[in-house]
Protein backbone atom coordinates (compact mmCIF):
# COMPACT_ATOMS: atom_id res chain seq x y z
CA UNK A 1 0.00 0.00 0.00
CA UNK A 2 1.36 3.41 -0.94
CA UNK A 3 1.59 5.99 1.75
CA UNK A 4 -0.61 9.06 1.67
CA UNK A 5 1.13 11.92 -0.07
CA UNK A 6 0.73 15.57 0.84
CA UNK A 7 -0.39 17.98 -1.88
CA UNK A 8 2.45 19.16 -4.13
CA UNK A 9 1.86 22.79 -3.16
CA UNK A 10 1.86 22.26 0.61
CA UNK A 11 4.10 24.55 2.60
CA UNK A 12 6.48 23.19 5.21
CA UNK A 13 4.36 24.92 7.88
CA UNK A 14 1.19 23.21 6.64
CA UNK A 15 2.99 19.88 6.37
CA UNK A 16 4.45 19.81 9.88
CA UNK A 17 1.70 21.56 11.82
CA UNK A 18 -1.37 20.06 10.12
CA UNK A 19 -0.75 17.35 7.54
CA UNK A 20 1.56 15.04 9.52
CA UNK A 21 -0.50 15.08 12.74
CA UNK A 22 -3.70 14.43 10.77
CA UNK A 23 -2.13 11.65 8.68
CA UNK A 24 -0.88 9.84 11.78
CA UNK A 25 -4.22 10.33 13.60
CA UNK A 26 -6.07 8.79 10.64
CA UNK A 27 -3.81 5.70 10.41
CA UNK A 28 -4.32 3.18 13.21
CA UNK A 29 -1.45 1.00 11.98
CA UNK A 30 1.04 3.88 12.11
CA UNK A 31 -0.16 4.79 15.60
CA UNK A 32 0.23 1.17 16.71
CA UNK A 33 3.75 0.92 15.25
CA UNK A 34 4.78 4.17 16.93
CA UNK A 35 3.73 2.50 20.16
CA UNK A 36 5.34 4.07 23.20
CA UNK A 37 7.70 6.33 21.26
CA UNK A 38 8.21 9.48 23.29
CA UNK A 39 10.35 11.97 21.39
CA UNK A 40 10.72 15.46 20.02
CA UNK A 41 12.07 15.98 16.52
CA UNK A 42 13.29 19.26 15.08
CA UNK A 43 13.06 19.74 11.32
CA UNK A 44 15.09 22.49 9.70
CA UNK A 45 13.88 23.04 6.14
CA UNK A 46 16.33 25.36 4.40
CA UNK A 47 14.82 27.88 1.98
CA UNK A 48 16.07 28.31 -1.55
CA UNK A 49 15.08 31.98 -1.64
CA UNK A 50 11.92 31.33 -3.68
CA UNK A 51 10.23 28.76 -1.48
CA UNK A 52 10.00 29.45 2.26
CA UNK A 53 11.47 26.90 4.63
CA UNK A 54 11.44 27.12 8.40
CA UNK A 55 12.04 25.30 11.64
CA UNK A 56 9.40 22.96 13.01
CA UNK A 57 8.96 20.60 15.93
CA UNK A 58 7.07 17.33 16.02
CA UNK A 59 6.22 15.86 19.40
CA UNK A 60 5.55 12.13 19.30
CA UNK A 61 3.85 10.58 22.31
CA UNK A 62 1.38 7.75 22.89
CA UNK A 63 1.01 7.04 19.16
CA UNK A 64 0.07 10.64 18.36
CA UNK A 65 2.00 13.46 16.73
CA UNK A 66 1.68 17.17 17.46
CA UNK A 67 3.38 19.72 15.23
CA UNK A 68 4.27 23.36 15.65
CA UNK A 69 6.48 26.01 14.13
CA UNK A 70 9.65 26.91 15.99
CA UNK A 71 12.55 25.22 17.70
CA UNK A 72 11.95 22.73 20.49
CA UNK A 73 14.01 23.12 23.68
CA UNK A 74 15.68 19.70 23.62
CA UNK A 75 15.12 17.72 20.44
CA UNK A 76 15.95 14.02 20.51
CA UNK A 77 16.65 14.21 16.78
CA UNK A 78 17.44 17.10 14.47
CA UNK A 79 16.75 16.71 10.74
CA UNK A 80 18.20 19.23 8.29
CA UNK A 81 17.07 19.23 4.66
CA UNK A 82 16.90 21.76 1.84
CA UNK A 83 13.46 22.56 0.49
CA UNK A 84 14.07 20.97 -2.92
CA UNK A 85 14.97 17.65 -1.29
CA UNK A 86 12.03 17.95 1.12
CA UNK A 87 9.66 18.39 -1.85
CA UNK A 88 11.29 15.46 -3.72
CA UNK A 89 10.83 13.25 -0.65
CA UNK A 90 7.16 14.26 -0.35
CA UNK A 91 6.54 13.49 -4.04
CA UNK A 92 8.30 10.15 -3.76
CA UNK A 93 10.95 11.17 -6.32
CA UNK A 94 13.68 10.14 -3.88
CA UNK A 95 13.57 7.79 -0.91
CA UNK A 96 14.87 8.66 2.53
CA UNK A 97 17.72 6.09 2.45
CA UNK A 98 18.98 7.48 -0.85
CA UNK A 99 18.66 11.08 0.40
CA UNK A 100 20.73 10.16 3.47
CA UNK A 101 23.39 8.37 1.42
CA UNK A 102 23.65 11.34 -0.95
CA UNK A 103 23.93 13.65 2.07
CA UNK A 104 20.82 15.57 1.09
CA UNK A 105 19.30 14.89 4.51
CA UNK A 106 21.35 15.30 7.69
CA UNK A 107 20.49 13.71 11.03
CA UNK A 108 21.87 14.67 14.41
CA UNK A 109 20.91 12.95 17.63
CA UNK A 110 19.02 9.71 18.20
CA UNK A 111 19.64 7.74 15.00
CA UNK A 112 17.35 4.92 16.13
CA UNK A 113 14.57 7.50 16.20
CA UNK A 114 15.60 8.40 12.66
CA UNK A 115 14.64 4.87 11.64
CA UNK A 116 11.07 5.61 12.77
CA UNK A 117 10.71 8.74 10.64
CA UNK A 118 8.82 6.80 7.95
CA UNK A 119 6.15 5.99 10.56
CA UNK A 120 5.85 9.62 11.53
CA UNK A 121 6.10 11.29 8.14
CA UNK A 122 4.49 8.54 6.11
C-alpha cells in the first residue's frame, strides 16, 4: 500500500503543523507501530530563496504526533534538509535512504529514532 502523499503545493508549515499530525491520527497501523515512542524531533527546512522553509517541531507521544512552528528546547533528533529535497521526498521522487546516502538529509541525535521517521512522516 502506498503511503498518503501531501499535496504538491503544501508549505512546510502546513505539512508539519497540520498534515503530519492528521495523517498519523487517521492511520491506526502507524499509531500502533509508533507504540510508546516518546520523542521530540526538530526539522530544519532550508529555503532556496523562492520557497520558504522554516524550523518545526514534532512531538511524538502515545502514538500521536503534534506539530508546531519553531525550535523545540531539547530535540531528541534534528533533521536538516533543503526545500528541494524535502519536496522530492514528499513526491516520492527520492527515498529517505537514498537522500541520506547522498547527504541531502542530515540527522543529528538519536539515530534509532531516525529509523522511525517513515512511521511519523508517512
